[in-house]
Amino acid sequence: MEGVGNERKFILSFSSEEPYSRYWGNEILDHSPSAADFTRLNTIGVLLFNHDRDKVLGKVNRAWIENQRGMAEVEFDEDRNSEIIFQKVKNDTLKGVSIGYKIGVIEEVSQGKVSSDGRFAGPCEIARQWMPYEISIVSVPADATVGVGRSSEECRMPEERTLTYFEAQLQINKNTGGIN
């Protein structure tokens, strides 16, 4: 986690174009300039713990796209419950980050086909318009390429994956009851 002046403010990555295996297939969040609508994050965005709306840790000061990744400056509150998670993040115990989001437009790409912009191979569904509404510090992230201290390209996952990896991600999603 990269500090920003005040020790309770940090910059982190919260989303990427890493394919995520849902029960219906791979989902990809497009990170081209017009795909993500950060209006809500930049006006009333909150930082939660494990997507729990009753566990507000702080606020999102600003969010933006950089190098095909969703980035944000977040600030932890100073109450007792926020302090516990803040210390776990500061000590590198908790590094996972996830988001809650709503998809507006999806492009479906069939097996053997390529997306309209030529960047993604099917089968997959690409969220061409999407809006994040919260950022969470999580104990088990769906996308291991984002999070605390994960803002550089060296954190990208290898291109080849086994079915076991996707099955594990699906199981994590089922166990947490959350969405990416």
N, C-alpha and C. Protein backbone atom coordinates (compact mmCIF):
# COMPACT_ATOMS: atom_id res chain seq x y z
N MET A 1 0.86 -1.17 0.00
CA MET A 1 0.00 0.00 0.00
C MET A 1 0.90 1.22 0.00
N GLU A 2 0.65 2.10 -0.91
CA GLU A 2 1.47 3.29 -1.07
C GLU A 2 0.85 4.43 -0.26
N GLY A 3 1.64 4.97 0.69
CA GLY A 3 1.15 6.05 1.52
C GLY A 3 1.07 7.36 0.75
N VAL A 4 0.17 8.25 1.20
CA VAL A 4 0.01 9.56 0.57
C VAL A 4 -0.01 10.60 1.68
N GLY A 5 1.12 11.17 2.02
CA GLY A 5 1.17 12.22 3.03
C GLY A 5 0.66 11.74 4.37
N ASN A 6 -0.61 12.01 4.67
CA ASN A 6 -1.26 11.57 5.90
C ASN A 6 -1.18 10.05 5.97
N GLU A 7 -0.75 9.51 7.10
CA GLU A 7 -0.54 8.07 7.20
C GLU A 7 -1.79 7.21 7.05
N ARG A 8 -2.99 7.80 7.14
CA ARG A 8 -4.23 7.03 6.99
C ARG A 8 -4.75 7.05 5.56
N LYS A 9 -4.08 7.76 4.65
CA LYS A 9 -4.44 7.81 3.24
C LYS A 9 -3.48 6.93 2.45
N PHE A 10 -4.06 6.11 1.56
CA PHE A 10 -3.25 5.21 0.76
C PHE A 10 -3.80 5.11 -0.66
N ILE A 11 -2.92 4.77 -1.59
CA ILE A 11 -3.31 4.49 -2.97
C ILE A 11 -3.25 2.98 -3.16
N LEU A 12 -4.30 2.41 -3.75
CA LEU A 12 -4.32 0.97 -4.01
C LEU A 12 -5.01 0.70 -5.34
N SER A 13 -4.81 -0.50 -5.87
CA SER A 13 -5.53 -0.92 -7.08
C SER A 13 -6.73 -1.76 -6.65
N PHE A 14 -7.86 -1.58 -7.33
CA PHE A 14 -9.07 -2.30 -6.92
C PHE A 14 -9.71 -3.11 -8.04
N SER A 15 -9.28 -2.96 -9.29
CA SER A 15 -9.86 -3.75 -10.38
C SER A 15 -8.87 -3.84 -11.52
N SER A 16 -9.08 -4.85 -12.37
CA SER A 16 -8.22 -5.05 -13.53
C SER A 16 -9.02 -5.71 -14.65
N GLU A 17 -8.37 -6.01 -15.74
CA GLU A 17 -9.01 -6.73 -16.84
C GLU A 17 -8.75 -8.23 -16.74
N GLU A 18 -8.31 -8.68 -15.61
CA GLU A 18 -8.08 -10.11 -15.37
C GLU A 18 -9.41 -10.84 -15.48
N PRO A 19 -9.52 -11.87 -16.33
CA PRO A 19 -10.77 -12.62 -16.44
C PRO A 19 -11.13 -13.26 -15.09
N TYR A 20 -12.39 -13.18 -14.75
CA TYR A 20 -12.87 -13.79 -13.52
C TYR A 20 -13.93 -14.83 -13.86
N SER A 21 -13.76 -16.03 -13.36
CA SER A 21 -14.66 -17.13 -13.70
C SER A 21 -15.92 -17.07 -12.84
N ARG A 22 -17.04 -16.78 -13.49
CA ARG A 22 -18.35 -16.81 -12.85
C ARG A 22 -19.01 -18.14 -13.22
N TYR A 23 -20.17 -18.42 -12.65
CA TYR A 23 -20.80 -19.70 -12.95
C TYR A 23 -21.20 -19.82 -14.42
N TRP A 24 -21.40 -18.70 -15.11
CA TRP A 24 -21.79 -18.73 -16.53
C TRP A 24 -20.61 -18.63 -17.47
N GLY A 25 -19.40 -18.31 -16.96
CA GLY A 25 -18.21 -18.18 -17.79
C GLY A 25 -17.32 -17.04 -17.31
N ASN A 26 -16.37 -16.66 -18.14
CA ASN A 26 -15.42 -15.61 -17.77
C ASN A 26 -16.03 -14.22 -17.92
N GLU A 27 -15.81 -13.40 -16.91
CA GLU A 27 -16.24 -12.00 -16.94
C GLU A 27 -14.99 -11.12 -16.92
N ILE A 28 -14.99 -10.09 -17.75
CA ILE A 28 -13.87 -9.15 -17.83
C ILE A 28 -14.43 -7.74 -17.68
N LEU A 29 -13.80 -6.95 -16.82
CA LEU A 29 -14.17 -5.55 -16.68
C LEU A 29 -13.29 -4.73 -17.62
N ASP A 30 -13.90 -4.13 -18.62
CA ASP A 30 -13.18 -3.28 -19.57
C ASP A 30 -12.65 -2.05 -18.82
N HIS A 31 -11.37 -1.74 -19.02
CA HIS A 31 -10.76 -0.58 -18.37
C HIS A 31 -10.34 0.49 -19.38
N SER A 32 -11.01 0.50 -20.54
CA SER A 32 -10.74 1.59 -21.48
C SER A 32 -11.32 2.88 -20.88
N PRO A 33 -10.89 4.05 -21.35
CA PRO A 33 -11.25 5.33 -20.72
C PRO A 33 -12.74 5.57 -20.48
N SER A 34 -13.62 5.12 -21.37
CA SER A 34 -15.05 5.42 -21.20
C SER A 34 -15.85 4.28 -20.58
N ALA A 35 -15.21 3.18 -20.21
CA ALA A 35 -15.95 2.01 -19.72
C ALA A 35 -16.44 2.15 -18.28
N ALA A 36 -15.59 2.61 -17.40
CA ALA A 36 -15.95 2.68 -15.97
C ALA A 36 -16.46 4.06 -15.61
N ASP A 37 -17.56 4.09 -14.89
CA ASP A 37 -18.14 5.33 -14.39
C ASP A 37 -17.82 5.43 -12.90
N PHE A 38 -16.88 6.31 -12.57
CA PHE A 38 -16.44 6.46 -11.18
C PHE A 38 -17.18 7.58 -10.44
N THR A 39 -18.26 8.09 -11.02
CA THR A 39 -19.00 9.19 -10.40
C THR A 39 -19.40 8.86 -8.97
N ARG A 40 -19.97 7.69 -8.77
CA ARG A 40 -20.43 7.32 -7.42
C ARG A 40 -19.26 7.17 -6.45
N LEU A 41 -18.19 6.49 -6.87
CA LEU A 41 -17.02 6.34 -6.00
C LEU A 41 -16.43 7.69 -5.64
N ASN A 42 -16.37 8.58 -6.63
CA ASN A 42 -15.74 9.88 -6.40
C ASN A 42 -16.61 10.87 -5.64
N THR A 43 -17.88 10.55 -5.46
CA THR A 43 -18.74 11.47 -4.70
C THR A 43 -19.13 10.91 -3.33
N ILE A 44 -19.52 9.63 -3.27
CA ILE A 44 -19.94 9.07 -1.98
C ILE A 44 -19.29 7.71 -1.70
N GLY A 45 -18.18 7.41 -2.35
CA GLY A 45 -17.54 6.10 -2.21
C GLY A 45 -17.06 5.80 -0.81
N VAL A 46 -17.26 4.55 -0.39
CA VAL A 46 -16.82 4.11 0.92
C VAL A 46 -15.87 2.92 0.80
N LEU A 47 -15.07 2.76 1.84
CA LEU A 47 -14.17 1.62 1.98
C LEU A 47 -14.79 0.70 3.03
N LEU A 48 -15.09 -0.54 2.62
CA LEU A 48 -15.74 -1.51 3.51
C LEU A 48 -14.79 -2.64 3.87
N PHE A 49 -15.20 -3.47 4.83
CA PHE A 49 -14.49 -4.70 5.13
C PHE A 49 -15.33 -5.87 4.65
N ASN A 50 -14.78 -6.68 3.75
CA ASN A 50 -15.44 -7.88 3.21
C ASN A 50 -16.84 -7.61 2.66
N HIS A 51 -17.03 -6.48 1.99
CA HIS A 51 -18.30 -6.12 1.35
C HIS A 51 -19.46 -5.96 2.34
N ASP A 52 -19.16 -5.83 3.62
CA ASP A 52 -20.20 -5.69 4.64
C ASP A 52 -20.56 -4.22 4.79
N ARG A 53 -21.78 -3.86 4.40
CA ARG A 53 -22.23 -2.46 4.44
C ARG A 53 -22.26 -1.89 5.86
N ASP A 54 -22.24 -2.77 6.85
CA ASP A 54 -22.24 -2.32 8.24
C ASP A 54 -20.82 -2.22 8.82
N LYS A 55 -19.82 -2.47 7.99
CA LYS A 55 -18.42 -2.39 8.44
C LYS A 55 -17.67 -1.38 7.58
N VAL A 56 -18.02 -0.11 7.75
CA VAL A 56 -17.39 0.97 6.99
C VAL A 56 -16.05 1.31 7.65
N LEU A 57 -14.98 1.21 6.84
CA LEU A 57 -13.62 1.48 7.32
C LEU A 57 -13.17 2.90 7.05
N GLY A 58 -13.76 3.52 6.03
CA GLY A 58 -13.33 4.86 5.65
C GLY A 58 -13.99 5.30 4.37
N LYS A 59 -13.30 6.17 3.65
CA LYS A 59 -13.88 6.74 2.44
C LYS A 59 -12.92 6.62 1.25
N VAL A 60 -13.51 6.74 0.08
CA VAL A 60 -12.73 6.80 -1.16
C VAL A 60 -12.60 8.28 -1.50
N ASN A 61 -11.37 8.77 -1.50
CA ASN A 61 -11.13 10.18 -1.82
C ASN A 61 -11.22 10.45 -3.31
N ARG A 62 -10.70 9.51 -4.10
CA ARG A 62 -10.76 9.64 -5.56
C ARG A 62 -10.44 8.30 -6.19
N ALA A 63 -10.99 8.10 -7.39
CA ALA A 63 -10.76 6.86 -8.14
C ALA A 63 -10.49 7.22 -9.59
N TRP A 64 -9.66 6.42 -10.28
CA TRP A 64 -9.29 6.67 -11.66
C TRP A 64 -8.76 5.39 -12.30
N ILE A 65 -8.57 5.42 -13.62
CA ILE A 65 -7.98 4.31 -14.37
C ILE A 65 -6.52 4.67 -14.67
N GLU A 66 -5.65 3.70 -14.45
CA GLU A 66 -4.23 3.87 -14.76
C GLU A 66 -3.66 2.52 -15.17
N ASN A 67 -3.08 2.45 -16.36
CA ASN A 67 -2.48 1.20 -16.86
C ASN A 67 -3.45 0.02 -16.80
N GLN A 68 -4.68 0.24 -17.29
CA GLN A 68 -5.72 -0.80 -17.35
C GLN A 68 -6.10 -1.32 -15.96
N ARG A 69 -5.98 -0.49 -14.94
CA ARG A 69 -6.34 -0.87 -13.57
C ARG A 69 -7.16 0.24 -12.94
N GLY A 70 -8.12 -0.15 -12.11
CA GLY A 70 -8.84 0.82 -11.30
C GLY A 70 -7.97 1.14 -10.09
N MET A 71 -7.72 2.42 -9.89
CA MET A 71 -6.88 2.88 -8.79
C MET A 71 -7.70 3.80 -7.89
N ALA A 72 -7.34 3.86 -6.62
CA ALA A 72 -8.06 4.75 -5.71
C ALA A 72 -7.16 5.22 -4.59
N GLU A 73 -7.44 6.43 -4.15
CA GLU A 73 -6.86 6.92 -2.89
C GLU A 73 -7.96 6.73 -1.86
N VAL A 74 -7.66 5.95 -0.83
CA VAL A 74 -8.62 5.69 0.24
C VAL A 74 -8.08 6.26 1.55
N GLU A 75 -8.98 6.52 2.47
CA GLU A 75 -8.59 7.05 3.77
C GLU A 75 -9.34 6.31 4.87
N PHE A 76 -8.59 5.69 5.78
CA PHE A 76 -9.20 4.96 6.89
C PHE A 76 -9.71 5.92 7.95
N ASP A 77 -10.88 5.59 8.53
CA ASP A 77 -11.41 6.34 9.67
C ASP A 77 -10.58 6.02 10.90
N GLU A 78 -10.85 6.74 12.01
CA GLU A 78 -10.06 6.56 13.23
C GLU A 78 -10.83 5.86 14.34
N ASP A 79 -12.02 5.33 14.06
CA ASP A 79 -12.77 4.61 15.10
C ASP A 79 -12.11 3.27 15.40
N ARG A 80 -12.53 2.64 16.48
CA ARG A 80 -11.90 1.40 16.96
C ARG A 80 -11.94 0.27 15.93
N ASN A 81 -13.10 0.04 15.32
CA ASN A 81 -13.24 -1.05 14.35
C ASN A 81 -12.39 -0.82 13.10
N SER A 82 -12.34 0.42 12.61
CA SER A 82 -11.51 0.73 11.44
C SER A 82 -10.04 0.58 11.78
N GLU A 83 -9.67 0.95 12.98
CA GLU A 83 -8.27 0.86 13.42
C GLU A 83 -7.75 -0.58 13.39
N ILE A 84 -8.59 -1.52 13.78
CA ILE A 84 -8.18 -2.94 13.77
C ILE A 84 -7.80 -3.38 12.36
N ILE A 85 -8.66 -3.08 11.38
CA ILE A 85 -8.37 -3.47 9.99
C ILE A 85 -7.23 -2.64 9.43
N PHE A 86 -7.19 -1.35 9.74
CA PHE A 86 -6.09 -0.48 9.29
C PHE A 86 -4.74 -1.07 9.72
N GLN A 87 -4.62 -1.52 10.96
CA GLN A 87 -3.36 -2.09 11.45
C GLN A 87 -3.02 -3.38 10.70
N LYS A 88 -4.01 -4.20 10.38
CA LYS A 88 -3.76 -5.45 9.64
C LYS A 88 -3.29 -5.14 8.21
N VAL A 89 -3.84 -4.08 7.61
CA VAL A 89 -3.40 -3.66 6.28
C VAL A 89 -1.99 -3.09 6.36
N LYS A 90 -1.76 -2.22 7.32
CA LYS A 90 -0.46 -1.58 7.51
C LYS A 90 0.64 -2.60 7.76
N ASN A 91 0.30 -3.69 8.47
CA ASN A 91 1.27 -4.75 8.78
C ASN A 91 1.35 -5.83 7.71
N ASP A 92 0.69 -5.63 6.56
CA ASP A 92 0.69 -6.58 5.44
C ASP A 92 0.00 -7.91 5.75
N THR A 93 -0.85 -7.95 6.76
CA THR A 93 -1.63 -9.15 7.03
C THR A 93 -2.79 -9.25 6.05
N LEU A 94 -3.47 -8.15 5.84
CA LEU A 94 -4.55 -8.08 4.85
C LEU A 94 -4.06 -7.28 3.65
N LYS A 95 -4.10 -7.92 2.46
CA LYS A 95 -3.65 -7.26 1.22
C LYS A 95 -4.72 -7.28 0.14
N GLY A 96 -5.76 -8.07 0.34
CA GLY A 96 -6.78 -8.26 -0.69
C GLY A 96 -7.74 -7.09 -0.80
N VAL A 97 -8.11 -6.78 -2.04
CA VAL A 97 -9.06 -5.72 -2.32
C VAL A 97 -10.07 -6.25 -3.33
N SER A 98 -11.31 -5.85 -3.18
CA SER A 98 -12.38 -6.26 -4.08
C SER A 98 -13.34 -5.08 -4.24
N ILE A 99 -14.25 -5.21 -5.20
CA ILE A 99 -15.24 -4.14 -5.39
C ILE A 99 -16.62 -4.71 -5.58
N GLY A 100 -17.59 -3.91 -5.22
CA GLY A 100 -18.97 -4.18 -5.59
C GLY A 100 -19.27 -3.27 -6.77
N TYR A 101 -19.93 -3.78 -7.79
CA TYR A 101 -20.17 -2.97 -8.98
C TYR A 101 -21.44 -3.41 -9.69
N LYS A 102 -21.92 -2.52 -10.56
CA LYS A 102 -23.10 -2.78 -11.37
C LYS A 102 -22.69 -2.68 -12.84
N ILE A 103 -23.12 -3.63 -13.65
CA ILE A 103 -22.79 -3.64 -15.07
C ILE A 103 -23.95 -3.03 -15.86
N GLY A 104 -23.62 -2.11 -16.77
CA GLY A 104 -24.63 -1.49 -17.61
C GLY A 104 -24.72 -2.12 -18.98
N VAL A 105 -23.58 -2.39 -19.62
CA VAL A 105 -23.55 -2.96 -20.97
C VAL A 105 -22.52 -4.09 -21.00
N ILE A 106 -22.95 -5.23 -21.56
CA ILE A 106 -22.06 -6.40 -21.69
C ILE A 106 -21.91 -6.77 -23.15
N GLU A 107 -20.68 -7.11 -23.54
CA GLU A 107 -20.43 -7.69 -24.86
C GLU A 107 -20.15 -9.16 -24.67
N GLU A 108 -20.94 -10.01 -25.30
CA GLU A 108 -20.73 -11.45 -25.23
C GLU A 108 -19.84 -11.86 -26.40
N VAL A 109 -18.78 -12.61 -26.08
CA VAL A 109 -17.85 -13.08 -27.10
C VAL A 109 -17.88 -14.61 -27.08
N SER A 110 -18.27 -15.21 -28.18
CA SER A 110 -18.40 -16.66 -28.28
C SER A 110 -17.03 -17.34 -28.39
N GLN A 111 -17.04 -18.65 -28.12
CA GLN A 111 -15.85 -19.48 -28.26
C GLN A 111 -15.26 -19.31 -29.66
N GLY A 112 -13.97 -19.06 -29.74
CA GLY A 112 -13.30 -18.93 -31.03
C GLY A 112 -13.43 -17.56 -31.67
N LYS A 113 -14.17 -16.66 -31.07
CA LYS A 113 -14.35 -15.30 -31.59
C LYS A 113 -13.49 -14.32 -30.80
N VAL A 114 -13.41 -13.09 -31.32
CA VAL A 114 -12.63 -12.03 -30.68
C VAL A 114 -13.57 -10.85 -30.42
N SER A 115 -13.32 -10.13 -29.34
CA SER A 115 -14.16 -8.97 -28.98
C SER A 115 -14.11 -7.90 -30.06
N SER A 116 -15.07 -6.99 -30.01
CA SER A 116 -15.18 -5.94 -31.03
C SER A 116 -13.95 -5.05 -31.12
N ASP A 117 -13.22 -4.89 -30.04
CA ASP A 117 -11.99 -4.09 -30.07
C ASP A 117 -10.75 -4.95 -30.31
N GLY A 118 -10.94 -6.27 -30.46
CA GLY A 118 -9.83 -7.17 -30.76
C GLY A 118 -8.92 -7.49 -29.58
N ARG A 119 -9.29 -7.10 -28.37
CA ARG A 119 -8.42 -7.31 -27.22
C ARG A 119 -8.68 -8.59 -26.45
N PHE A 120 -9.86 -9.18 -26.57
CA PHE A 120 -10.21 -10.34 -25.76
C PHE A 120 -10.72 -11.49 -26.62
N ALA A 121 -10.30 -12.71 -26.28
CA ALA A 121 -10.75 -13.91 -27.00
C ALA A 121 -11.84 -14.60 -26.20
N GLY A 122 -12.82 -15.11 -26.90
CA GLY A 122 -13.93 -15.80 -26.26
C GLY A 122 -13.59 -17.22 -25.88
N PRO A 123 -14.40 -17.82 -25.08
CA PRO A 123 -15.66 -17.30 -24.61
C PRO A 123 -15.47 -16.39 -23.39
N CYS A 124 -16.19 -15.28 -23.38
CA CYS A 124 -16.17 -14.37 -22.24
C CYS A 124 -17.29 -13.35 -22.38
N GLU A 125 -17.55 -12.67 -21.30
CA GLU A 125 -18.47 -11.54 -21.28
C GLU A 125 -17.67 -10.35 -20.79
N ILE A 126 -17.71 -9.26 -21.55
CA ILE A 126 -16.93 -8.07 -21.22
C ILE A 126 -17.89 -6.97 -20.76
N ALA A 127 -17.66 -6.48 -19.57
CA ALA A 127 -18.45 -5.35 -19.06
C ALA A 127 -17.93 -4.09 -19.74
N ARG A 128 -18.66 -3.61 -20.76
CA ARG A 128 -18.24 -2.43 -21.53
C ARG A 128 -18.62 -1.13 -20.83
N GLN A 129 -19.63 -1.18 -20.00
CA GLN A 129 -19.99 -0.04 -19.14
C GLN A 129 -20.30 -0.62 -17.77
N TRP A 130 -19.61 -0.12 -16.76
CA TRP A 130 -19.81 -0.61 -15.41
C TRP A 130 -19.54 0.50 -14.40
N MET A 131 -20.16 0.36 -13.22
CA MET A 131 -20.02 1.37 -12.18
C MET A 131 -19.70 0.71 -10.83
N PRO A 132 -18.50 0.96 -10.31
CA PRO A 132 -18.21 0.47 -8.96
C PRO A 132 -18.93 1.33 -7.93
N TYR A 133 -19.44 0.70 -6.86
CA TYR A 133 -20.14 1.46 -5.83
C TYR A 133 -19.51 1.33 -4.46
N GLU A 134 -18.53 0.45 -4.30
CA GLU A 134 -17.78 0.36 -3.06
C GLU A 134 -16.48 -0.37 -3.30
N ILE A 135 -15.49 -0.08 -2.46
CA ILE A 135 -14.23 -0.80 -2.46
C ILE A 135 -14.11 -1.48 -1.11
N SER A 136 -13.70 -2.74 -1.10
CA SER A 136 -13.57 -3.49 0.15
C SER A 136 -12.16 -4.00 0.35
N ILE A 137 -11.70 -3.92 1.58
CA ILE A 137 -10.53 -4.66 2.01
C ILE A 137 -11.09 -6.04 2.32
N VAL A 138 -10.52 -7.09 1.72
CA VAL A 138 -11.06 -8.44 1.89
C VAL A 138 -9.98 -9.43 2.31
N SER A 139 -10.41 -10.46 2.99
CA SER A 139 -9.48 -11.50 3.40
C SER A 139 -9.19 -12.47 2.27
N VAL A 140 -10.15 -12.69 1.36
CA VAL A 140 -9.97 -13.59 0.22
C VAL A 140 -10.47 -12.89 -1.05
N PRO A 141 -9.54 -12.28 -1.83
CA PRO A 141 -9.97 -11.56 -3.03
C PRO A 141 -10.25 -12.49 -4.21
N ALA A 142 -11.16 -12.07 -5.07
CA ALA A 142 -11.42 -12.82 -6.30
C ALA A 142 -10.31 -12.57 -7.32
N ASP A 143 -9.82 -11.33 -7.39
CA ASP A 143 -8.77 -10.95 -8.34
C ASP A 143 -7.48 -10.71 -7.57
N ALA A 144 -6.57 -11.69 -7.61
CA ALA A 144 -5.32 -11.59 -6.86
C ALA A 144 -4.31 -10.64 -7.49
N THR A 145 -4.64 -10.06 -8.64
CA THR A 145 -3.71 -9.13 -9.29
C THR A 145 -3.90 -7.70 -8.81
N VAL A 146 -4.93 -7.44 -7.99
CA VAL A 146 -5.15 -6.10 -7.45
C VAL A 146 -5.08 -6.17 -5.94
N GLY A 147 -4.98 -5.00 -5.33
CA GLY A 147 -5.00 -4.97 -3.87
C GLY A 147 -3.96 -4.03 -3.31
N VAL A 148 -3.69 -4.23 -2.05
CA VAL A 148 -2.72 -3.43 -1.33
C VAL A 148 -1.33 -3.77 -1.83
N GLY A 149 -0.62 -2.79 -2.33
CA GLY A 149 0.72 -3.02 -2.86
C GLY A 149 0.71 -3.71 -4.22
N ARG A 150 -0.40 -3.69 -4.92
CA ARG A 150 -0.51 -4.36 -6.21
C ARG A 150 -0.88 -3.38 -7.31
N SER A 151 -0.04 -2.41 -7.52
CA SER A 151 -0.35 -1.40 -8.54
C SER A 151 0.53 -1.51 -9.77
N SER A 152 1.50 -2.42 -9.75
CA SER A 152 2.42 -2.50 -10.89
C SER A 152 2.10 -3.70 -11.78
N GLU A 153 2.64 -3.65 -12.98
CA GLU A 153 2.42 -4.73 -13.96
C GLU A 153 3.00 -6.06 -13.49
N GLU A 154 4.00 -6.04 -12.63
CA GLU A 154 4.62 -7.30 -12.20
C GLU A 154 3.67 -8.17 -11.39
N CYS A 155 2.53 -7.65 -10.97
CA CYS A 155 1.56 -8.42 -10.20
C CYS A 155 0.57 -9.17 -11.08
N ARG A 156 0.73 -9.08 -12.39
CA ARG A 156 -0.21 -9.77 -13.28
C ARG A 156 -0.06 -11.27 -13.13
N MET A 157 -1.17 -11.97 -13.25
CA MET A 157 -1.18 -13.42 -13.15
C MET A 157 -0.64 -14.01 -14.46
N PRO A 158 -0.07 -15.22 -14.39
CA PRO A 158 0.39 -15.87 -15.62
C PRO A 158 -0.77 -16.10 -16.57
N GLU A 159 -0.47 -16.12 -17.87
CA GLU A 159 -1.52 -16.28 -18.88
C GLU A 159 -2.16 -17.66 -18.84
N GLU A 160 -1.37 -18.70 -18.61
CA GLU A 160 -1.92 -20.05 -18.61
C GLU A 160 -2.53 -20.37 -17.26
N ARG A 161 -3.73 -20.93 -17.27
CA ARG A 161 -4.42 -21.29 -16.04
C ARG A 161 -5.00 -22.68 -16.20
N THR A 162 -5.13 -23.34 -15.10
CA THR A 162 -5.75 -24.66 -15.14
C THR A 162 -7.20 -24.54 -14.69
N LEU A 163 -7.98 -25.56 -14.97
CA LEU A 163 -9.35 -25.58 -14.53
C LEU A 163 -9.42 -25.50 -13.01
N THR A 164 -8.43 -26.07 -12.33
CA THR A 164 -8.38 -26.04 -10.87
C THR A 164 -8.38 -24.61 -10.37
N TYR A 165 -7.66 -23.71 -11.02
CA TYR A 165 -7.62 -22.30 -10.62
C TYR A 165 -9.03 -21.71 -10.70
N PHE A 166 -9.72 -21.91 -11.83
CA PHE A 166 -11.05 -21.35 -11.99
C PHE A 166 -12.03 -21.97 -11.00
N GLU A 167 -11.92 -23.27 -10.77
CA GLU A 167 -12.78 -23.90 -9.79
C GLU A 167 -12.56 -23.31 -8.40
N ALA A 168 -11.30 -23.02 -8.08
CA ALA A 168 -10.98 -22.42 -6.78
C ALA A 168 -11.59 -21.04 -6.67
N GLN A 169 -11.51 -20.24 -7.73
CA GLN A 169 -12.09 -18.90 -7.70
C GLN A 169 -13.60 -18.96 -7.55
N LEU A 170 -14.25 -19.88 -8.24
CA LEU A 170 -15.69 -20.03 -8.13
C LEU A 170 -16.06 -20.44 -6.71
N GLN A 171 -15.30 -21.34 -6.11
CA GLN A 171 -15.57 -21.77 -4.74
C GLN A 171 -15.41 -20.62 -3.77
N ILE A 172 -14.40 -19.77 -3.97
CA ILE A 172 -14.22 -18.60 -3.12
C ILE A 172 -15.44 -17.71 -3.21
N ASN A 173 -15.92 -17.48 -4.42
CA ASN A 173 -17.10 -16.64 -4.62
C ASN A 173 -18.32 -17.25 -3.92
N LYS A 174 -18.50 -18.55 -4.03
CA LYS A 174 -19.62 -19.22 -3.38
C LYS A 174 -19.51 -19.10 -1.86
N ASN A 175 -18.29 -19.31 -1.34
CA ASN A 175 -18.08 -19.29 0.11
C ASN A 175 -18.29 -17.91 0.72
N THR A 176 -17.90 -16.88 0.02
CA THR A 176 -18.03 -15.53 0.56
C THR A 176 -19.38 -14.91 0.27
N GLY A 177 -20.09 -15.46 -0.70
CA GLY A 177 -21.38 -14.90 -1.07
C GLY A 177 -21.27 -13.53 -1.72
N GLY A 178 -20.04 -13.14 -2.06
CA GLY A 178 -19.82 -11.81 -2.63
C GLY A 178 -19.64 -11.87 -4.13
N ILE A 179 -19.58 -10.68 -4.69
CA ILE A 179 -19.24 -10.57 -6.10
C ILE A 179 -17.91 -9.88 -6.18
N ASN A 180 -17.25 -10.01 -7.29
CA ASN A 180 -15.93 -9.45 -7.47
C ASN A 180 -15.77 -8.17 -6.78
